[in-house]
Amino acid sequence: MDSETKNCQNCKKDFVIEPDDLGFYEKISVLSPKICPDCRHTKRFKNRGPNKLWHRNCMCDKNNHFHKKEKCAVEFKTSYAPDRPEIIYCEKCYQQEVY
């Protein structure tokens, strides 16, 4: 199997996919990449959270957790900003919810 040269859909730079990589993609039944490694790395980096921690409180208000009928009062730092829509649990509430 020969290496395959492709043209990146983002930056139009040529990149090479090695025969071992092509064999791996074929083995796991996925298409070979259409974007060069540099553009894929940039895309992954943009999806990371910010390098900042926010002081937050646990948002759990479940009756069957250790805090009973009260809202959980555990405070912690997280990379999830206060304006994000996700529900943020402390470690103990998360463990009780998952297991």
PDB file of N, CA and C in Angstrom:
ATOM      1  N   MET A   1       0.856  -1.173   0.000  1.00  0.00           N
ATOM      2  CA  MET A   1       0.000   0.000   0.000  1.00  0.00           C
ATOM      3  C   MET A   1       0.909   1.246   0.000  1.00  0.00           C
ATOM      4  N   ASP A   2       0.626   2.180  -0.857  1.00  0.00           N
ATOM      5  CA  ASP A   2       1.417   3.414  -0.948  1.00  0.00           C
ATOM      6  C   ASP A   2       0.813   4.498  -0.071  1.00  0.00           C
ATOM      7  N   SER A   3       1.646   5.491   0.278  1.00  0.00           N
ATOM      8  CA  SER A   3       1.125   6.630   1.035  1.00  0.00           C
ATOM      9  C   SER A   3       0.205   7.447   0.129  1.00  0.00           C
ATOM     10  N   GLU A   4      -0.670   8.181   0.757  1.00  0.00           N
ATOM     11  CA  GLU A   4      -1.686   8.950   0.037  1.00  0.00           C
ATOM     12  C   GLU A   4      -1.469  10.434   0.317  1.00  0.00           C
ATOM     13  N   THR A   5      -1.387  11.234  -0.743  1.00  0.00           N
ATOM     14  CA  THR A   5      -1.254  12.682  -0.586  1.00  0.00           C
ATOM     15  C   THR A   5      -2.619  13.313  -0.753  1.00  0.00           C
ATOM     16  N   LYS A   6      -2.975  14.169   0.191  1.00  0.00           N
ATOM     17  CA  LYS A   6      -4.274  14.846   0.152  1.00  0.00           C
ATOM     18  C   LYS A   6      -4.059  16.341   0.276  1.00  0.00           C
ATOM     19  N   ASN A   7      -5.097  17.070  -0.051  1.00  0.00           N
ATOM     20  CA  ASN A   7      -5.100  18.520   0.062  1.00  0.00           C
ATOM     21  C   ASN A   7      -6.078  18.891   1.170  1.00  0.00           C
ATOM     22  N   CYS A   8      -5.607  19.620   2.169  1.00  0.00           N
ATOM     23  CA  CYS A   8      -6.438  19.983   3.330  1.00  0.00           C
ATOM     24  C   CYS A   8      -7.626  20.837   2.885  1.00  0.00           C
ATOM     25  N   GLN A   9      -8.811  20.503   3.414  1.00  0.00           N
ATOM     26  CA  GLN A   9     -10.014  21.265   3.081  1.00  0.00           C
ATOM     27  C   GLN A   9     -10.022  22.643   3.725  1.00  0.00           C
ATOM     28  N   ASN A  10      -9.269  22.828   4.798  1.00  0.00           N
ATOM     29  CA  ASN A  10      -9.234  24.128   5.477  1.00  0.00           C
ATOM     30  C   ASN A  10      -8.189  25.060   4.893  1.00  0.00           C
ATOM     31  N   CYS A  11      -6.916  24.641   4.966  1.00  0.00           N
ATOM     32  CA  CYS A  11      -5.818  25.544   4.607  1.00  0.00           C
ATOM     33  C   CYS A  11      -5.258  25.289   3.211  1.00  0.00           C
ATOM     34  N   LYS A  12      -5.744  24.250   2.550  1.00  0.00           N
ATOM     35  CA  LYS A  12      -5.312  23.873   1.184  1.00  0.00           C
ATOM     36  C   LYS A  12      -3.876  23.368   1.114  1.00  0.00           C
ATOM     37  N   LYS A  13      -3.256  23.104   2.277  1.00  0.00           N
ATOM     38  CA  LYS A  13      -1.898  22.580   2.315  1.00  0.00           C
ATOM     39  C   LYS A  13      -1.936  21.072   2.019  1.00  0.00           C
ATOM     40  N   ASP A  14      -0.938  20.580   1.269  1.00  0.00           N
ATOM     41  CA  ASP A  14      -0.835  19.148   1.011  1.00  0.00           C
ATOM     42  C   ASP A  14      -0.323  18.438   2.262  1.00  0.00           C
ATOM     43  N   PHE A  15      -0.849  17.244   2.520  1.00  0.00           N
ATOM     44  CA  PHE A  15      -0.340  16.416   3.613  1.00  0.00           C
ATOM     45  C   PHE A  15      -0.386  14.959   3.187  1.00  0.00           C
ATOM     46  N   VAL A  16       0.434  14.154   3.826  1.00  0.00           N
ATOM     47  CA  VAL A  16       0.591  12.756   3.447  1.00  0.00           C
ATOM     48  C   VAL A  16       0.030  11.866   4.538  1.00  0.00           C
ATOM     49  N   ILE A  17      -0.706  10.839   4.122  1.00  0.00           N
ATOM     50  CA  ILE A  17      -1.171   9.809   5.045  1.00  0.00           C
ATOM     51  C   ILE A  17      -0.348   8.564   4.753  1.00  0.00           C
ATOM     52  N   GLU A  18       0.364   8.101   5.764  1.00  0.00           N
ATOM     53  CA  GLU A  18       1.279   6.974   5.618  1.00  0.00           C
ATOM     54  C   GLU A  18       0.512   5.661   5.438  1.00  0.00           C
ATOM     55  N   PRO A  19       1.149   4.655   4.814  1.00  0.00           N
ATOM     56  CA  PRO A  19       0.482   3.364   4.578  1.00  0.00           C
ATOM     57  C   PRO A  19      -0.034   2.701   5.863  1.00  0.00           C
ATOM     58  N   ASP A  20       0.743   2.790   6.965  1.00  0.00           N
ATOM     59  CA  ASP A  20       0.285   2.185   8.228  1.00  0.00           C
ATOM     60  C   ASP A  20      -0.998   2.855   8.716  1.00  0.00           C
ATOM     61  N   ASP A  21      -1.065   4.179   8.555  1.00  0.00           N
ATOM     62  CA  ASP A  21      -2.271   4.909   8.963  1.00  0.00           C
ATOM     63  C   ASP A  21      -3.454   4.530   8.086  1.00  0.00           C
ATOM     64  N   LEU A  22      -3.230   4.432   6.786  1.00  0.00           N
ATOM     65  CA  LEU A  22      -4.308   4.025   5.867  1.00  0.00           C
ATOM     66  C   LEU A  22      -4.830   2.637   6.232  1.00  0.00           C
ATOM     67  N   GLY A  23      -3.907   1.713   6.551  1.00  0.00           N
ATOM     68  CA  GLY A  23      -4.307   0.371   6.961  1.00  0.00           C
ATOM     69  C   GLY A  23      -5.133   0.391   8.239  1.00  0.00           C
ATOM     70  N   PHE A  24      -4.727   1.250   9.185  1.00  0.00           N
ATOM     71  CA  PHE A  24      -5.469   1.368  10.442  1.00  0.00           C
ATOM     72  C   PHE A  24      -6.876   1.907  10.190  1.00  0.00           C
ATOM     73  N   TYR A  25      -6.995   2.956   9.382  1.00  0.00           N
ATOM     74  CA  TYR A  25      -8.315   3.530   9.083  1.00  0.00           C
ATOM     75  C   TYR A  25      -9.213   2.492   8.409  1.00  0.00           C
ATOM     76  N   GLU A  26      -8.620   1.705   7.517  1.00  0.00           N
ATOM     77  CA  GLU A  26      -9.383   0.660   6.832  1.00  0.00           C
ATOM     78  C   GLU A  26      -9.826  -0.415   7.822  1.00  0.00           C
ATOM     79  N   LYS A  27      -8.927  -0.784   8.728  1.00  0.00           N
ATOM     80  CA  LYS A  27      -9.214  -1.830   9.717  1.00  0.00           C
ATOM     81  C   LYS A  27     -10.372  -1.450  10.639  1.00  0.00           C
ATOM     82  N   ILE A  28     -10.420  -0.172  11.058  1.00  0.00           N
ATOM     83  CA  ILE A  28     -11.495   0.249  11.967  1.00  0.00           C
ATOM     84  C   ILE A  28     -12.669   0.885  11.215  1.00  0.00           C
ATOM     85  N   SER A  29     -12.631   0.804   9.899  1.00  0.00           N
ATOM     86  CA  SER A  29     -13.738   1.254   9.030  1.00  0.00           C
ATOM     87  C   SER A  29     -14.078   2.731   9.205  1.00  0.00           C
ATOM     88  N   VAL A  30     -13.054   3.587   9.155  1.00  0.00           N
ATOM     89  CA  VAL A  30     -13.296   5.029   9.155  1.00  0.00           C
ATOM     90  C   VAL A  30     -12.636   5.639   7.927  1.00  0.00           C
ATOM     91  N   LEU A  31     -13.153   6.749   7.485  1.00  0.00           N
ATOM     92  CA  LEU A  31     -12.575   7.443   6.348  1.00  0.00           C
ATOM     93  C   LEU A  31     -11.268   8.106   6.755  1.00  0.00           C
ATOM     94  N   SER A  32     -10.365   8.243   5.810  1.00  0.00           N
ATOM     95  CA  SER A  32      -9.117   8.939   6.103  1.00  0.00           C
ATOM     96  C   SER A  32      -9.409  10.430   6.258  1.00  0.00           C
ATOM     97  N   PRO A  33      -8.590  11.151   7.021  1.00  0.00           N
ATOM     98  CA  PRO A  33      -8.864  12.563   7.303  1.00  0.00           C
ATOM     99  C   PRO A  33      -8.833  13.429   6.048  1.00  0.00           C
ATOM    100  N   LYS A  34      -9.664  14.452   6.066  1.00  0.00           N
ATOM    101  CA  LYS A  34      -9.705  15.412   4.971  1.00  0.00           C
ATOM    102  C   LYS A  34      -9.044  16.734   5.374  1.00  0.00           C
ATOM    103  N   ILE A  35      -8.636  16.806   6.648  1.00  0.00           N
ATOM    104  CA  ILE A  35      -8.021  18.013   7.199  1.00  0.00           C
ATOM    105  C   ILE A  35      -6.613  17.652   7.661  1.00  0.00           C
ATOM    106  N   CYS A  36      -5.650  18.539   7.410  1.00  0.00           N
ATOM    107  CA  CYS A  36      -4.249  18.271   7.754  1.00  0.00           C
ATOM    108  C   CYS A  36      -4.061  18.210   9.276  1.00  0.00           C
ATOM    109  N   PRO A  37      -2.972  17.588   9.737  1.00  0.00           N
ATOM    110  CA  PRO A  37      -2.730  17.485  11.181  1.00  0.00           C
ATOM    111  C   PRO A  37      -2.680  18.834  11.888  1.00  0.00           C
ATOM    112  N   ASP A  38      -2.118  19.863  11.258  1.00  0.00           N
ATOM    113  CA  ASP A  38      -2.054  21.185  11.892  1.00  0.00           C
ATOM    114  C   ASP A  38      -3.455  21.753  12.130  1.00  0.00           C
ATOM    115  N   CYS A  39      -4.330  21.642  11.148  1.00  0.00           N
ATOM    116  CA  CYS A  39      -5.699  22.158  11.291  1.00  0.00           C
ATOM    117  C   CYS A  39      -6.483  21.334  12.313  1.00  0.00           C
ATOM    118  N   ARG A  40      -6.262  20.000  12.344  1.00  0.00           N
ATOM    119  CA  ARG A  40      -6.941  19.159  13.339  1.00  0.00           C
ATOM    120  C   ARG A  40      -6.493  19.548  14.742  1.00  0.00           C
ATOM    121  N   HIS A  41      -5.194  19.805  14.914  1.00  0.00           N
ATOM    122  CA  HIS A  41      -4.680  20.211  16.220  1.00  0.00           C
ATOM    123  C   HIS A  41      -5.285  21.558  16.643  1.00  0.00           C
ATOM    124  N   THR A  42      -5.344  22.508  15.727  1.00  0.00           N
ATOM    125  CA  THR A  42      -5.931  23.823  16.022  1.00  0.00           C
ATOM    126  C   THR A  42      -7.392  23.675  16.423  1.00  0.00           C
ATOM    127  N   LYS A  43      -8.118  22.825  15.725  1.00  0.00           N
ATOM    128  CA  LYS A  43      -9.540  22.594  16.038  1.00  0.00           C
ATOM    129  C   LYS A  43      -9.697  21.981  17.436  1.00  0.00           C
ATOM    130  N   ARG A  44      -8.850  20.991  17.771  1.00  0.00           N
ATOM    131  CA  ARG A  44      -8.892  20.379  19.107  1.00  0.00           C
ATOM    132  C   ARG A  44      -8.581  21.413  20.182  1.00  0.00           C
ATOM    133  N   PHE A  45      -7.599  22.252  19.925  1.00  0.00           N
ATOM    134  CA  PHE A  45      -7.181  23.257  20.897  1.00  0.00           C
ATOM    135  C   PHE A  45      -8.296  24.267  21.164  1.00  0.00           C
ATOM    136  N   LYS A  46      -9.057  24.631  20.126  1.00  0.00           N
ATOM    137  CA  LYS A  46     -10.166  25.573  20.293  1.00  0.00           C
ATOM    138  C   LYS A  46     -11.293  24.974  21.140  1.00  0.00           C
ATOM    139  N   ASN A  47     -11.424  23.635  21.128  1.00  0.00           N
ATOM    140  CA  ASN A  47     -12.478  22.964  21.889  1.00  0.00           C
ATOM    141  C   ASN A  47     -12.141  22.812  23.366  1.00  0.00           C
ATOM    142  N   ARG A  48     -10.900  23.092  23.741  1.00  0.00           N
ATOM    143  CA  ARG A  48     -10.507  23.013  25.153  1.00  0.00           C
ATOM    144  C   ARG A  48     -11.200  24.104  25.954  1.00  0.00           C
ATOM    145  N   GLY A  49     -11.324  23.864  27.225  1.00  0.00           N
ATOM    146  CA  GLY A  49     -11.849  24.888  28.119  1.00  0.00           C
ATOM    147  C   GLY A  49     -10.805  25.966  28.350  1.00  0.00           C
ATOM    148  N   PRO A  50     -11.208  27.089  28.898  1.00  0.00           N
ATOM    149  CA  PRO A  50     -10.247  28.159  29.158  1.00  0.00           C
ATOM    150  C   PRO A  50      -9.315  27.783  30.309  1.00  0.00           C
ATOM    151  N   ASN A  51      -8.169  28.401  30.364  1.00  0.00           N
ATOM    152  CA  ASN A  51      -7.216  28.160  31.458  1.00  0.00           C
ATOM    153  C   ASN A  51      -7.582  29.050  32.642  1.00  0.00           C
ATOM    154  N   LYS A  52      -8.773  28.866  33.138  1.00  0.00           N
ATOM    155  CA  LYS A  52      -9.274  29.664  34.246  1.00  0.00           C
ATOM    156  C   LYS A  52     -10.209  28.802  35.081  1.00  0.00           C
ATOM    157  N   LEU A  53     -10.203  29.030  36.387  1.00  0.00           N
ATOM    158  CA  LEU A  53     -11.118  28.320  37.276  1.00  0.00           C
ATOM    159  C   LEU A  53     -12.088  29.318  37.900  1.00  0.00           C
ATOM    160  N   TRP A  54     -13.354  28.920  37.986  1.00  0.00           N
ATOM    161  CA  TRP A  54     -14.378  29.746  38.616  1.00  0.00           C
ATOM    162  C   TRP A  54     -14.821  29.091  39.918  1.00  0.00           C
ATOM    163  N   HIS A  55     -15.104  29.919  40.900  1.00  0.00           N
ATOM    164  CA  HIS A  55     -15.630  29.454  42.176  1.00  0.00           C
ATOM    165  C   HIS A  55     -17.124  29.174  41.974  1.00  0.00           C
ATOM    166  N   ARG A  56     -17.539  27.929  42.232  1.00  0.00           N
ATOM    167  CA  ARG A  56     -18.936  27.547  42.020  1.00  0.00           C
ATOM    168  C   ARG A  56     -19.459  26.759  43.210  1.00  0.00           C
ATOM    169  N   ASN A  57     -20.764  26.632  43.289  1.00  0.00           N
ATOM    170  CA  ASN A  57     -21.428  25.791  44.285  1.00  0.00           C
ATOM    171  C   ASN A  57     -22.066  24.611  43.567  1.00  0.00           C
ATOM    172  N   CYS A  58     -22.166  23.506  44.273  1.00  0.00           N
ATOM    173  CA  CYS A  58     -22.837  22.334  43.727  1.00  0.00           C
ATOM    174  C   CYS A  58     -24.294  22.706  43.428  1.00  0.00           C
ATOM    175  N   MET A  59     -24.811  22.245  42.309  1.00  0.00           N
ATOM    176  CA  MET A  59     -26.176  22.599  41.901  1.00  0.00           C
ATOM    177  C   MET A  59     -27.182  21.498  42.238  1.00  0.00           C
ATOM    178  N   CYS A  60     -26.749  20.490  42.985  1.00  0.00           N
ATOM    179  CA  CYS A  60     -27.599  19.344  43.296  1.00  0.00           C
ATOM    180  C   CYS A  60     -28.683  19.712  44.315  1.00  0.00           C
ATOM    181  N   ASP A  61     -29.914  19.294  44.023  1.00  0.00           N
ATOM    182  CA  ASP A  61     -31.012  19.489  44.974  1.00  0.00           C
ATOM    183  C   ASP A  61     -31.842  18.208  45.108  1.00  0.00           C
ATOM    184  N   LYS A  62     -31.195  17.062  44.884  1.00  0.00           N
ATOM    185  CA  LYS A  62     -31.878  15.765  44.948  1.00  0.00           C
ATOM    186  C   LYS A  62     -32.123  15.365  46.403  1.00  0.00           C
ATOM    187  N   ASN A  63     -33.268  14.783  46.663  1.00  0.00           N
ATOM    188  CA  ASN A  63     -33.624  14.375  48.023  1.00  0.00           C
ATOM    189  C   ASN A  63     -32.898  13.107  48.471  1.00  0.00           C
ATOM    190  N   ASN A  64     -32.482  12.270  47.537  1.00  0.00           N
ATOM    191  CA  ASN A  64     -31.883  10.985  47.908  1.00  0.00           C
ATOM    192  C   ASN A  64     -30.362  11.053  48.062  1.00  0.00           C
ATOM    193  N   HIS A  65     -29.780  12.238  48.114  1.00  0.00           N
ATOM    194  CA  HIS A  65     -28.339  12.379  48.301  1.00  0.00           C
ATOM    195  C   HIS A  65     -28.019  12.682  49.759  1.00  0.00           C
ATOM    196  N   PHE A  66     -26.738  12.765  50.093  1.00  0.00           N
ATOM    197  CA  PHE A  66     -26.303  12.915  51.476  1.00  0.00           C
ATOM    198  C   PHE A  66     -26.826  14.179  52.148  1.00  0.00           C
ATOM    199  N   HIS A  67     -27.170  15.192  51.397  1.00  0.00           N
ATOM    200  CA  HIS A  67     -27.637  16.460  51.969  1.00  0.00           C
ATOM    201  C   HIS A  67     -29.147  16.478  52.181  1.00  0.00           C
ATOM    202  N   LYS A  68     -29.786  15.363  51.908  1.00  0.00           N
ATOM    203  CA  LYS A  68     -31.235  15.154  52.093  1.00  0.00           C
ATOM    204  C   LYS A  68     -32.065  16.206  51.363  1.00  0.00           C
ATOM    205  N   LYS A  69     -32.975  16.886  52.046  1.00  0.00           N
ATOM    206  CA  LYS A  69     -33.892  17.818  51.391  1.00  0.00           C
ATOM    207  C   LYS A  69     -33.287  19.186  51.123  1.00  0.00           C
ATOM    208  N   GLU A  70     -32.138  19.449  51.723  1.00  0.00           N
ATOM    209  CA  GLU A  70     -31.465  20.734  51.531  1.00  0.00           C
ATOM    210  C   GLU A  70     -30.747  20.739  50.175  1.00  0.00           C
ATOM    211  N   LYS A  71     -30.458  21.919  49.688  1.00  0.00           N
ATOM    212  CA  LYS A  71     -29.615  22.033  48.505  1.00  0.00           C
ATOM    213  C   LYS A  71     -28.172  21.819  48.958  1.00  0.00           C
ATOM    214  N   CYS A  72     -27.376  21.103  48.171  1.00  0.00           N
ATOM    215  CA  CYS A  72     -25.982  20.826  48.533  1.00  0.00           C
ATOM    216  C   CYS A  72     -25.223  22.142  48.667  1.00  0.00           C
ATOM    217  N   ALA A  73     -24.407  22.251  49.713  1.00  0.00           N
ATOM    218  CA  ALA A  73     -23.694  23.499  49.991  1.00  0.00           C
ATOM    219  C   ALA A  73     -22.194  23.417  49.702  1.00  0.00           C
ATOM    220  N   VAL A  74     -21.756  22.367  49.031  1.00  0.00           N
ATOM    221  CA  VAL A  74     -20.332  22.197  48.754  1.00  0.00           C
ATOM    222  C   VAL A  74     -19.866  23.241  47.737  1.00  0.00           C
ATOM    223  N   GLU A  75     -18.739  23.871  48.048  1.00  0.00           N
ATOM    224  CA  GLU A  75     -18.146  24.864  47.147  1.00  0.00           C
ATOM    225  C   GLU A  75     -16.866  24.284  46.552  1.00  0.00           C
ATOM    226  N   PHE A  76     -16.564  24.630  45.319  1.00  0.00           N
ATOM    227  CA  PHE A  76     -15.369  24.128  44.648  1.00  0.00           C
ATOM    228  C   PHE A  76     -15.017  25.038  43.484  1.00  0.00           C
ATOM    229  N   LYS A  77     -13.874  24.749  42.859  1.00  0.00           N
ATOM    230  CA  LYS A  77     -13.459  25.494  41.669  1.00  0.00           C
ATOM    231  C   LYS A  77     -13.594  24.577  40.461  1.00  0.00           C
ATOM    232  N   THR A  78     -14.017  25.147  39.341  1.00  0.00           N
ATOM    233  CA  THR A  78     -14.226  24.373  38.126  1.00  0.00           C
ATOM    234  C   THR A  78     -13.886  25.206  36.901  1.00  0.00           C
ATOM    235  N   SER A  79     -13.630  24.535  35.786  1.00  0.00           N
ATOM    236  CA  SER A  79     -13.365  25.235  34.532  1.00  0.00           C
ATOM    237  C   SER A  79     -14.656  25.595  33.802  1.00  0.00           C
ATOM    238  N   TYR A  80     -15.808  25.225  34.366  1.00  0.00           N
ATOM    239  CA  TYR A  80     -17.101  25.578  33.772  1.00  0.00           C
ATOM    240  C   TYR A  80     -17.511  26.962  34.266  1.00  0.00           C
ATOM    241  N   ALA A  81     -17.634  27.897  33.349  1.00  0.00           N
ATOM    242  CA  ALA A  81     -17.995  29.271  33.695  1.00  0.00           C
ATOM    243  C   ALA A  81     -19.429  29.328  34.206  1.00  0.00           C
ATOM    244  N   PRO A  82     -19.755  30.303  35.049  1.00  0.00           N
ATOM    245  CA  PRO A  82     -21.107  30.418  35.596  1.00  0.00           C
ATOM    246  C   PRO A  82     -22.203  30.600  34.541  1.00  0.00           C
ATOM    247  N   ASP A  83     -21.858  31.132  33.387  1.00  0.00           N
ATOM    248  CA  ASP A  83     -22.882  31.367  32.364  1.00  0.00           C
ATOM    249  C   ASP A  83     -23.113  30.149  31.463  1.00  0.00           C
ATOM    250  N   ARG A  84     -22.443  29.033  31.724  1.00  0.00           N
ATOM    251  CA  ARG A  84     -22.634  27.823  30.919  1.00  0.00           C
ATOM    252  C   ARG A  84     -23.882  27.081  31.377  1.00  0.00           C
ATOM    253  N   PRO A  85     -24.536  26.328  30.472  1.00  0.00           N
ATOM    254  CA  PRO A  85     -25.806  25.681  30.808  1.00  0.00           C
ATOM    255  C   PRO A  85     -25.690  24.371  31.587  1.00  0.00           C
ATOM    256  N   GLU A  86     -24.492  23.789  31.678  1.00  0.00           N
ATOM    257  CA  GLU A  86     -24.347  22.487  32.319  1.00  0.00           C
ATOM    258  C   GLU A  86     -24.644  22.556  33.816  1.00  0.00           C
ATOM    259  N   ILE A  87     -25.183  21.456  34.332  1.00  0.00           N
ATOM    260  CA  ILE A  87     -25.399  21.322  35.772  1.00  0.00           C
ATOM    261  C   ILE A  87     -24.086  20.831  36.369  1.00  0.00           C
ATOM    262  N   ILE A  88     -23.605  21.508  37.397  1.00  0.00           N
ATOM    263  CA  ILE A  88     -22.324  21.203  38.017  1.00  0.00           C
ATOM    264  C   ILE A  88     -22.558  20.571  39.383  1.00  0.00           C
ATOM    265  N   TYR A  89     -22.028  19.350  39.580  1.00  0.00           N
ATOM    266  CA  TYR A  89     -22.140  18.641  40.846  1.00  0.00           C
ATOM    267  C   TYR A  89     -20.779  18.581  41.534  1.00  0.00           C
ATOM    268  N   CYS A  90     -20.797  18.515  42.858  1.00  0.00           N
ATOM    269  CA  CYS A  90     -19.576  18.222  43.605  1.00  0.00           C
ATOM    270  C   CYS A  90     -19.273  16.736  43.416  1.00  0.00           C
ATOM    271  N   GLU A  91     -18.102  16.312  43.839  1.00  0.00           N
ATOM    272  CA  GLU A  91     -17.690  14.921  43.645  1.00  0.00           C
ATOM    273  C   GLU A  91     -18.653  13.937  44.307  1.00  0.00           C
ATOM    274  N   LYS A  92     -19.064  14.226  45.528  1.00  0.00           N
ATOM    275  CA  LYS A  92     -19.927  13.295  46.268  1.00  0.00           C
ATOM    276  C   LYS A  92     -21.300  13.153  45.603  1.00  0.00           C
ATOM    277  N   CYS A  93     -21.906  14.263  45.198  1.00  0.00           N
ATOM    278  CA  CYS A  93     -23.210  14.211  44.521  1.00  0.00           C
ATOM    279  C   CYS A  93     -23.103  13.520  43.169  1.00  0.00           C
ATOM    280  N   TYR A  94     -22.012  13.789  42.465  1.00  0.00           N
ATOM    281  CA  TYR A  94     -21.802  13.151  41.166  1.00  0.00           C
ATOM    282  C   TYR A  94     -21.727  11.621  41.339  1.00  0.00           C
ATOM    283  N   GLN A  95     -20.945  11.182  42.330  1.00  0.00           N
ATOM    284  CA  GLN A  95     -20.814   9.744  42.570  1.00  0.00           C
ATOM    285  C   GLN A  95     -22.165   9.122  42.924  1.00  0.00           C
ATOM    286  N   GLN A  96     -22.959   9.804  43.747  1.00  0.00           N
ATOM    287  CA  GLN A  96     -24.271   9.267  44.113  1.00  0.00           C
ATOM    288  C   GLN A  96     -25.218   9.246  42.910  1.00  0.00           C
ATOM    289  N   GLU A  97     -25.076  10.182  42.023  1.00  0.00           N
ATOM    290  CA  GLU A  97     -25.936  10.240  40.843  1.00  0.00           C
ATOM    291  C   GLU A  97     -25.571   9.145  39.830  1.00  0.00           C
ATOM    292  N   VAL A  98     -24.286   8.889  39.674  1.00  0.00           N
ATOM    293  CA  VAL A  98     -23.822   7.945  38.658  1.00  0.00           C
ATOM    294  C   VAL A  98     -23.902   6.507  39.137  1.00  0.00           C
ATOM    295  N   TYR A  99     -23.597   6.249  40.415  1.00  0.00           N
ATOM    296  CA  TYR A  99     -23.535   4.859  40.887  1.00  0.00           C
ATOM    297  C   TYR A  99     -24.690   4.472  41.746  1.00  0.00           C
TER     298      TYR A  99
END
